[in-house]
N, C-alpha and C. Protein backbone atom coordinates (compact mmCIF):
# COMPACT_ATOMS: atom_id res chain seq x y z
N ASP A 1 21.92 37.34 -123.37
CA ASP A 1 21.06 37.92 -122.58
C ASP A 1 21.18 37.57 -121.09
N ARG A 2 20.71 37.78 -120.38
CA ARG A 2 20.60 37.81 -119.06
C ARG A 2 19.67 37.94 -118.28
N GLU A 3 19.04 37.55 -116.63
CA GLU A 3 17.64 37.73 -116.13
C GLU A 3 18.14 38.00 -114.95
N ALA A 4 17.18 39.25 -114.41
CA ALA A 4 17.91 39.23 -113.03
C ALA A 4 16.77 39.79 -112.17
N ASP A 5 16.25 39.90 -111.12
CA ASP A 5 15.48 40.35 -110.48
C ASP A 5 15.48 42.04 -110.23
N ILE A 6 16.42 42.54 -110.13
CA ILE A 6 17.11 43.86 -109.90
C ILE A 6 18.65 44.10 -110.56
N VAL A 7 18.42 45.02 -111.09
CA VAL A 7 19.51 45.43 -111.80
C VAL A 7 19.77 46.98 -111.58
N ILE A 8 21.39 46.86 -111.22
CA ILE A 8 21.87 48.25 -110.77
C ILE A 8 22.69 48.80 -111.91
N VAL A 9 22.42 49.96 -112.09
CA VAL A 9 23.18 50.64 -113.16
C VAL A 9 23.88 51.50 -112.14
N GLY A 10 25.58 50.99 -112.45
CA GLY A 10 26.57 52.47 -111.60
C GLY A 10 26.98 50.95 -110.53
N TYR A 11 28.44 50.82 -110.22
CA TYR A 11 29.09 50.16 -109.04
C TYR A 11 29.74 50.70 -108.37
N GLY A 12 29.33 52.14 -107.54
CA GLY A 12 30.28 53.22 -107.14
C GLY A 12 29.30 53.09 -105.45
N GLY A 13 29.91 53.84 -104.77
CA GLY A 13 29.07 53.04 -103.36
C GLY A 13 27.75 52.87 -103.15
N ALA A 14 26.63 54.03 -103.56
CA ALA A 14 25.23 53.42 -103.80
C ALA A 14 25.03 52.02 -104.79
N GLY A 15 25.47 51.97 -105.52
CA GLY A 15 25.03 50.63 -106.64
C GLY A 15 25.54 49.50 -105.73
N SER A 16 26.79 49.43 -104.93
CA SER A 16 27.08 48.18 -104.40
C SER A 16 26.27 48.34 -103.36
N ALA A 17 26.20 49.14 -102.66
CA ALA A 17 25.40 49.30 -101.62
C ALA A 17 23.99 48.34 -101.63
N ALA A 18 23.46 49.06 -103.19
CA ALA A 18 21.92 48.05 -103.14
C ALA A 18 21.67 46.89 -103.75
N ALA A 19 23.62 46.36 -104.19
CA ALA A 19 23.25 45.34 -104.91
C ALA A 19 23.36 44.53 -103.64
N ILE A 20 24.33 44.39 -102.44
CA ILE A 20 24.14 44.34 -101.73
C ILE A 20 22.94 43.72 -100.55
N THR A 21 22.28 44.97 -100.79
CA THR A 21 21.31 44.58 -99.93
C THR A 21 20.43 43.40 -100.70
N ALA A 22 19.62 44.05 -102.09
CA ALA A 22 19.06 43.18 -102.99
C ALA A 22 19.56 41.86 -103.04
N HIS A 23 20.83 41.42 -103.01
CA HIS A 23 21.31 40.15 -102.84
C HIS A 23 21.09 39.46 -101.45
N ASP A 24 21.16 40.03 -100.26
CA ASP A 24 21.22 39.62 -98.81
C ASP A 24 19.61 39.42 -98.63
N ALA A 25 18.78 40.27 -99.05
CA ALA A 25 17.27 39.87 -99.30
C ALA A 25 16.57 38.68 -100.24
N GLY A 26 17.46 38.42 -101.02
CA GLY A 26 17.21 37.38 -101.60
C GLY A 26 17.34 37.22 -103.38
N GLU A 27 17.51 38.32 -103.29
CA GLU A 27 16.90 38.40 -105.43
C GLU A 27 18.05 38.25 -105.46
N SER A 28 18.07 38.17 -107.57
CA SER A 28 19.20 38.06 -108.19
C SER A 28 19.50 39.42 -108.67
N VAL A 29 20.54 39.83 -108.57
CA VAL A 29 21.18 41.14 -109.10
C VAL A 29 22.26 41.26 -110.16
N LEU A 30 22.08 42.09 -111.28
CA LEU A 30 22.93 42.38 -112.06
C LEU A 30 23.65 43.69 -112.01
N VAL A 31 24.88 43.85 -112.14
CA VAL A 31 25.44 45.02 -111.80
C VAL A 31 26.18 45.40 -113.01
N LEU A 32 25.72 46.40 -113.93
CA LEU A 32 26.00 47.58 -115.09
C LEU A 32 27.14 48.48 -114.91
N GLU A 33 27.88 48.60 -115.17
CA GLU A 33 29.11 49.44 -114.82
C GLU A 33 29.98 49.68 -116.53
N LYS A 34 29.94 50.48 -116.05
CA LYS A 34 30.80 51.41 -117.76
C LYS A 34 32.41 51.50 -117.51
N ALA A 35 32.58 51.80 -116.88
CA ALA A 35 34.10 52.47 -116.41
C ALA A 35 34.75 50.98 -116.28
N PRO A 36 36.00 50.89 -116.57
CA PRO A 36 36.82 49.43 -116.42
C PRO A 36 37.08 49.17 -115.07
N PHE A 37 36.77 50.10 -114.08
CA PHE A 37 37.12 49.23 -112.71
C PHE A 37 36.03 50.00 -111.86
N GLY A 38 35.71 49.13 -110.60
CA GLY A 38 34.60 49.43 -110.15
C GLY A 38 34.71 50.41 -109.18
N GLY A 39 33.57 50.99 -108.37
CA GLY A 39 33.85 52.08 -107.48
C GLY A 39 33.08 53.49 -107.85
N GLY A 40 32.60 53.53 -109.27
CA GLY A 40 32.07 55.02 -109.49
C GLY A 40 33.10 56.26 -109.30
N ASN A 41 32.32 57.17 -108.92
CA ASN A 41 32.53 58.67 -108.32
C ASN A 41 33.34 58.46 -106.85
N THR A 42 32.29 57.34 -106.34
CA THR A 42 33.22 57.20 -105.10
C THR A 42 34.31 56.44 -104.78
N GLY A 43 35.12 55.85 -105.88
CA GLY A 43 36.53 55.39 -106.19
C GLY A 43 37.24 56.24 -106.30
N CYS A 44 36.78 57.38 -107.14
CA CYS A 44 37.68 58.38 -107.72
C CYS A 44 37.78 59.94 -106.87
N CYS A 45 36.31 59.85 -105.81
CA CYS A 45 36.73 61.07 -105.13
C CYS A 45 37.65 61.30 -103.68
N GLY A 46 38.23 59.93 -103.51
CA GLY A 46 39.42 59.84 -102.13
C GLY A 46 38.29 60.08 -101.07
N GLY A 47 37.54 59.95 -100.89
CA GLY A 47 36.72 60.20 -99.61
C GLY A 47 36.41 61.38 -99.60
N GLY A 48 36.47 62.39 -100.62
CA GLY A 48 36.52 63.87 -100.43
C GLY A 48 35.17 64.04 -100.07
N MET A 49 34.30 65.04 -100.19
CA MET A 49 33.16 65.73 -100.66
C MET A 49 32.65 67.05 -100.33
N ARG A 50 32.57 67.75 -101.45
CA ARG A 50 32.25 69.14 -101.90
C ARG A 50 30.82 69.30 -101.16
N ILE A 51 30.60 70.44 -100.53
CA ILE A 51 29.69 71.39 -100.31
C ILE A 51 29.76 73.08 -100.86
N PRO A 52 29.11 73.24 -101.72
CA PRO A 52 29.46 74.45 -102.51
C PRO A 52 28.30 75.43 -101.80
N THR A 53 29.12 77.03 -102.06
CA THR A 53 27.94 77.79 -101.10
C THR A 53 28.60 78.62 -102.11
N ASP A 54 28.96 78.69 -103.58
CA ASP A 54 28.62 79.43 -104.45
C ASP A 54 27.52 78.58 -105.54
N VAL A 55 26.51 78.68 -105.67
CA VAL A 55 25.93 77.50 -106.52
C VAL A 55 26.02 77.60 -107.84
N PRO A 56 26.13 79.10 -108.81
CA PRO A 56 25.75 79.30 -110.12
C PRO A 56 27.62 78.93 -110.38
N ASN A 57 28.64 79.29 -109.73
CA ASN A 57 29.59 78.89 -109.71
C ASN A 57 30.04 77.36 -109.72
N ALA A 58 28.93 76.62 -108.76
CA ALA A 58 29.23 75.14 -108.51
C ALA A 58 29.03 74.55 -109.62
N LEU A 59 27.85 75.13 -110.36
CA LEU A 59 27.37 74.23 -111.52
C LEU A 59 28.13 74.39 -112.73
N LEU A 60 29.03 75.64 -112.83
CA LEU A 60 30.04 75.68 -113.56
C LEU A 60 30.74 75.00 -113.20
N TYR A 61 31.25 74.18 -112.65
CA TYR A 61 32.07 73.85 -112.23
C TYR A 61 32.27 72.10 -112.81
N TYR A 62 30.68 72.16 -112.08
CA TYR A 62 30.53 70.35 -112.05
C TYR A 62 30.01 69.91 -113.48
N ARG A 63 29.40 71.42 -114.41
CA ARG A 63 29.29 70.89 -116.07
C ARG A 63 30.28 70.83 -116.44
N ALA A 64 31.68 71.46 -116.14
CA ALA A 64 32.85 71.49 -117.02
C ALA A 64 33.19 70.13 -116.84
N LEU A 65 33.15 69.51 -115.86
CA LEU A 65 33.50 68.00 -115.58
C LEU A 65 33.40 66.99 -116.32
N THR A 66 31.95 67.25 -116.73
CA THR A 66 31.17 66.06 -116.65
C THR A 66 31.20 66.65 -119.14
N GLN A 67 31.98 67.29 -119.12
CA GLN A 67 31.52 67.39 -120.70
C GLN A 67 33.32 67.21 -121.59
N GLY A 68 33.57 66.03 -120.90
CA GLY A 68 34.91 65.64 -121.59
C GLY A 68 35.57 66.34 -122.34
C-alpha cells in the first residue's frame, strides 16, 4: 500500500507536467503508468499532431486505433 497527496494516472506529457508541478508545490506524488515505458501518447507520437477536418472519418480512425 502507498499513500500520496496526488496520484497521477498516465505518464505522458500532461501527466509528467502535473507530477512535476505538484512536486514543486510540496505535494507527495505517485505516478501510475500501465505501459512498460514512460511517455504515453506523447512518447509514441514523435511530436506530431493531427487536426482532423473530416470528423466522422477521424472518429473511425481513432476508434480503430484504440480497439486493439
